Protein backbone atom coordinates (compact mmCIF):
# COMPACT_ATOMS: atom_id res chain seq x y z
CA MET A 1 -12.76 -10.62 14.34
CA LYS A 2 -13.02 -12.61 11.13
CA ILE A 3 -10.58 -11.83 8.31
CA LEU A 4 -11.29 -13.28 4.87
CA VAL A 5 -8.35 -13.44 2.49
CA VAL A 6 -9.29 -14.47 -1.06
CA GLY A 7 -6.64 -15.63 -3.49
CA HIS A 8 -4.41 -18.46 -4.64
CA PHE A 9 -1.72 -19.09 -2.02
CA SER A 10 0.63 -21.97 -1.21
CA GLU A 11 0.45 -23.57 2.22
CA THR A 12 3.68 -21.81 3.19
CA SER A 13 2.24 -18.46 2.15
CA LYS A 14 -0.93 -19.12 4.12
CA SER A 15 1.09 -19.83 7.26
CA ASN A 16 3.09 -16.64 6.79
CA ILE A 17 -0.10 -14.59 6.37
CA VAL A 18 -1.85 -16.01 9.44
CA ARG A 19 1.06 -15.33 11.81
CA TYR A 20 0.81 -11.58 11.19
CA PHE A 21 -2.62 -11.44 12.81
CA PRO A 22 -3.48 -11.77 16.52
CA GLN A 23 -3.95 -15.41 17.45
CA GLU A 24 -7.48 -14.87 18.71
CA TRP A 25 -8.63 -13.59 15.29
CA ASN A 26 -10.24 -15.97 12.84
CA VAL A 27 -8.22 -15.73 9.61
CA VAL A 28 -9.70 -17.65 6.68
CA ILE A 29 -7.76 -17.97 3.42
CA VAL A 30 -9.64 -19.44 0.46
CA PRO A 31 -9.51 -19.30 -3.36
CA PRO A 32 -12.29 -17.58 -5.33
CA GLY A 33 -15.42 -19.71 -5.54
CA GLU A 34 -18.29 -21.16 -3.53
CA GLU A 35 -16.31 -21.46 -0.28
CA MET A 36 -15.45 -17.77 -0.51
CA LEU A 37 -19.14 -16.85 -0.81
CA HIS A 38 -19.93 -18.86 2.31
CA HIS A 39 -17.34 -16.96 4.38
CA MET A 40 -18.40 -13.59 2.95
CA GLU A 41 -21.58 -13.72 5.00
CA ASP A 42 -19.95 -13.16 8.39
CA CYS A 43 -16.49 -11.72 7.73
CA HIS A 44 -15.51 -8.31 9.13
CA VAL A 45 -12.52 -7.60 6.88
CA LEU A 46 -12.04 -8.68 3.27
CA ILE A 47 -8.59 -8.83 1.64
CA PRO A 48 -9.28 -9.61 -2.04
CA GLU A 49 -6.78 -10.99 -4.56
CA HIS A 50 -7.84 -11.70 -8.15
CA ILE A 51 -11.54 -11.04 -7.55
CA LYS A 52 -13.83 -8.13 -8.32
CA VAL A 53 -15.46 -6.63 -5.23
CA ASP A 54 -18.72 -5.37 -6.71
CA HIS A 55 -22.23 -4.68 -5.45
CA SER A 56 -23.42 -8.27 -5.95
CA LEU A 57 -20.57 -9.63 -3.81
CA LEU A 58 -20.98 -6.94 -1.16
CA SER A 59 -24.69 -7.68 -0.83
CA ILE A 60 -23.78 -11.06 0.70
CA ALA A 61 -21.48 -9.51 3.32
CA LYS A 62 -23.75 -8.68 6.23
CA THR A 63 -21.01 -7.82 8.76
CA LEU A 64 -18.27 -6.47 6.48
CA LYS A 65 -16.63 -3.26 7.74
CA LEU A 66 -13.43 -2.97 5.70
CA VAL A 67 -12.05 -3.98 2.30
CA GLN A 68 -8.25 -3.89 2.43
CA THR A 69 -6.58 -3.96 -0.99
CA GLY A 70 -2.95 -3.98 -2.10
CA ALA A 71 -1.46 -0.97 -3.84
CA GLY A 72 -4.52 0.00 -5.88
CA PHE A 73 -8.33 0.08 -5.90
CA ASP A 74 -9.04 -1.07 -9.46
CA ASN A 75 -10.69 -4.34 -8.34
CA VAL A 76 -13.04 -2.65 -5.85
CA ASP A 77 -16.29 -0.79 -6.52
CA VAL A 78 -15.57 2.04 -4.08
CA PRO A 79 -18.93 3.85 -4.59
CA ALA A 80 -20.77 0.60 -3.80
CA CYS A 81 -18.73 0.22 -0.60
CA THR A 82 -19.45 3.82 0.34
CA GLU A 83 -23.16 3.29 -0.21
CA LEU A 84 -23.11 0.31 2.16
CA GLY A 85 -20.98 2.05 4.79
CA ILE A 86 -17.93 -0.16 4.17
CA TRP A 87 -14.48 1.37 4.43
CA VAL A 88 -11.91 0.76 1.68
CA ALA A 89 -8.18 1.09 2.29
CA ASN A 90 -5.11 0.39 0.22
CA ALA A 91 -1.49 -0.25 1.16
CA ALA A 92 0.18 2.47 -0.88
CA GLY A 93 3.83 1.77 -1.57
CA VAL A 94 3.76 -1.72 -0.08
CA ASN A 95 5.22 -3.28 -3.24
CA ALA A 96 7.27 -0.29 -4.43
CA GLN A 97 10.70 -1.82 -3.82
CA GLY A 98 9.81 -5.17 -5.39
CA VAL A 99 8.19 -3.66 -8.48
CA ALA A 100 11.02 -1.18 -9.01
CA GLU A 101 13.59 -3.99 -8.78
CA HIS A 102 11.53 -6.02 -11.26
CA VAL A 103 11.55 -3.10 -13.71
CA MET A 104 15.34 -2.91 -13.50
CA ALA A 105 15.57 -6.68 -14.00
CA LEU A 106 13.52 -6.37 -17.20
CA ILE A 107 15.63 -3.47 -18.47
CA LEU A 108 18.90 -5.30 -17.83
CA SER A 109 17.54 -8.56 -19.27
CA TYR A 110 16.66 -6.74 -22.48
CA TYR A 111 19.79 -4.67 -22.98
CA LYS A 112 22.18 -7.41 -21.85
CA ASN A 113 20.38 -10.18 -23.80
CA ILE A 114 20.23 -12.30 -20.66
CA PRO A 115 17.38 -14.67 -21.72
CA PHE A 116 19.05 -15.30 -25.09
CA LEU A 117 22.50 -15.93 -23.62
CA ASP A 118 21.07 -18.16 -20.91
CA THR A 119 19.34 -20.32 -23.53
CA PHE A 120 22.48 -20.29 -25.67
CA MET A 121 24.65 -21.67 -22.86
CA LYS A 122 22.13 -24.25 -21.62
CA ASN A 123 21.65 -25.62 -25.14
CA LYS A 124 25.43 -25.72 -25.70
CA MET A 125 25.08 -23.98 -29.03
CA ASP A 126 28.02 -23.41 -31.38
CA GLU A 127 29.87 -20.22 -30.36
CA ASN A 128 30.54 -19.51 -34.03
CA HIS A 129 26.85 -18.76 -34.37
CA LEU A 130 26.71 -16.42 -31.38
CA GLU A 131 25.58 -13.13 -32.89
CA TYR A 132 24.05 -10.54 -30.61
CA MET A 133 24.33 -6.89 -29.68
CA GLY A 134 24.50 -5.75 -26.09
CA SER A 135 24.08 -2.17 -24.92
CA GLU A 136 24.90 -0.02 -21.89
CA LEU A 137 22.36 1.97 -19.91
CA GLU A 138 24.58 5.01 -19.38
CA GLY A 139 23.21 7.98 -21.30
CA LYS A 140 19.92 6.32 -22.22
CA THR A 141 16.69 8.14 -21.42
CA ILE A 142 13.96 6.51 -19.36
CA GLY A 143 10.51 8.05 -19.25
CA ILE A 144 8.55 7.25 -16.10
CA ILE A 145 4.78 7.69 -16.29
CA SER A 146 3.60 8.64 -12.78
CA LEU A 147 6.09 9.59 -10.11
CA GLY A 148 4.59 7.89 -7.08
CA ALA A 149 6.30 5.51 -4.65
CA ILE A 150 7.26 3.03 -7.39
CA GLY A 151 8.16 5.64 -9.99
CA LYS A 152 10.50 7.43 -7.58
CA LYS A 153 12.34 4.21 -6.74
CA VAL A 154 12.74 3.38 -10.44
CA ALA A 155 14.09 6.90 -11.00
CA ALA A 156 16.65 6.48 -8.20
CA PHE A 157 17.81 3.13 -9.59
CA CYS A 158 18.19 4.61 -13.07
CA LYS A 159 20.19 7.54 -11.70
CA ALA A 160 22.67 4.99 -10.31
CA PHE A 161 23.13 3.70 -13.86
CA ASP A 162 23.84 7.26 -15.11
CA MET A 163 20.66 7.40 -17.15
CA ASN A 164 18.66 10.49 -18.08
CA VAL A 165 15.35 10.40 -16.20
CA LEU A 166 12.17 12.01 -17.51
CA ALA A 167 8.84 11.82 -15.69
CA TYR A 168 5.23 12.70 -16.36
CA ALA A 169 2.65 13.16 -13.60
CA ARG A 170 -1.05 13.89 -14.03
CA ASN A 171 -0.89 15.86 -10.78
CA ALA A 172 0.97 19.10 -11.49
CA ASN A 173 1.89 19.41 -7.79
CA VAL A 174 4.07 16.29 -7.76
CA GLN A 175 7.57 17.14 -6.58
CA SER A 176 10.54 15.45 -8.25
CA ASP A 177 14.08 14.88 -7.08
CA GLY A 178 16.65 17.17 -8.64
CA PHE A 179 17.91 14.61 -11.16
CA VAL A 180 14.39 13.99 -12.61
CA THR A 181 13.16 16.24 -15.41
CA MET A 182 9.38 16.67 -15.40
CA THR A 183 7.89 16.88 -18.87
CA ASP A 184 4.60 16.53 -20.76
CA PHE A 185 3.20 13.18 -21.83
CA ASP A 186 3.87 13.50 -25.58
CA THR A 187 7.50 14.60 -25.10
CA LEU A 188 8.16 11.70 -22.75
CA VAL A 189 6.61 9.17 -25.14
CA SER A 190 8.42 10.43 -28.25
CA THR A 191 11.92 10.91 -26.80
CA SER A 192 12.43 8.06 -24.29
CA ASP A 193 14.53 4.98 -25.01
CA ILE A 194 12.65 3.18 -22.24
CA ILE A 195 9.12 3.89 -20.99
CA SER A 196 8.00 2.50 -17.64
CA VAL A 197 4.36 2.88 -16.57
CA HIS A 198 3.38 3.17 -12.89
CA ILE A 199 0.01 4.86 -12.95
CA PRO A 200 -3.15 3.60 -11.17
CA LEU A 201 -6.05 2.28 -13.23
CA ASN A 202 -9.25 4.32 -13.10
CA GLN A 203 -11.79 5.78 -15.52
CA GLN A 204 -9.41 8.63 -16.44
CA THR A 205 -6.40 6.39 -17.15
CA ARG A 206 -8.06 3.37 -18.76
CA GLN A 207 -6.46 2.73 -22.18
CA LEU A 208 -4.11 5.66 -21.65
CA ILE A 209 -1.51 3.74 -23.66
CA ASN A 210 -3.26 3.13 -26.97
CA LYS A 211 -2.29 2.59 -30.61
CA ALA A 212 -1.76 6.32 -31.18
CA VAL A 213 0.65 6.49 -28.25
CA PHE A 214 2.67 3.53 -29.51
CA LYS A 215 2.99 5.22 -32.90
CA LYS A 216 4.63 8.22 -31.22
CA MET A 217 7.36 6.07 -29.68
CA LYS A 218 10.72 5.47 -31.33
CA ASP A 219 11.00 2.13 -33.15
CA THR A 220 13.64 1.03 -30.63
CA THR A 221 11.78 2.03 -27.47
CA LEU A 222 11.52 -0.59 -24.72
CA PHE A 223 8.02 -0.38 -23.19
CA ILE A 224 7.48 -1.78 -19.70
CA ASN A 225 4.11 -1.87 -17.97
CA THR A 226 3.95 -3.17 -14.39
CA SER A 227 0.65 -1.41 -13.79
CA PRO A 228 -2.80 -2.94 -14.46
CA ALA A 229 -3.32 -4.24 -18.00
CA GLY A 230 -6.37 -2.00 -18.47
CA LEU A 231 -4.05 0.95 -19.00
């Protein structure tokens, strides 16, 4: 079994990746480029990072059976894989905890002025010129766009900070926890103090957040997007 992992990894990361596979498997980890194309010819599983898996790339892969992505499929031409009889799988929720924690770090950094205060202290600036406004999260409203694995973790974290949690889901059948208020997209955008986006990128969601949407937000809204930039 030959596994081809494509991406930019440190030597430590490469060692950590390899040890999760059976020792008898051939695990090759290379950056995008000519070397990757050489290994595409006889690999059985492709794990792509920072490359587009399209028809031209797949045409080289004579023995490929599976493309294993991370949380989403936006870098893989799924119809092309289907046409060639190649399975595509993602690891839904694999990064949910990390992304949700990152969202909270961004929120706290903003409202507590952490980057500014860090720079202030390191530069030993005059305290007489220290002018800033901090703010508490209690009572603020966060609007979460898409209530999947990541969105639900962000909602739970925000509940712990006594925040009001709104959520919008394209799928009307999505079930929320009791402390989350489901609402429509426009209401969420226009009333939230913080908006956090966790929706997959596809043809229906591309450029979902456009100029018109930003105009509907409050002037003070903090907008956080940890989903693909194409949104």
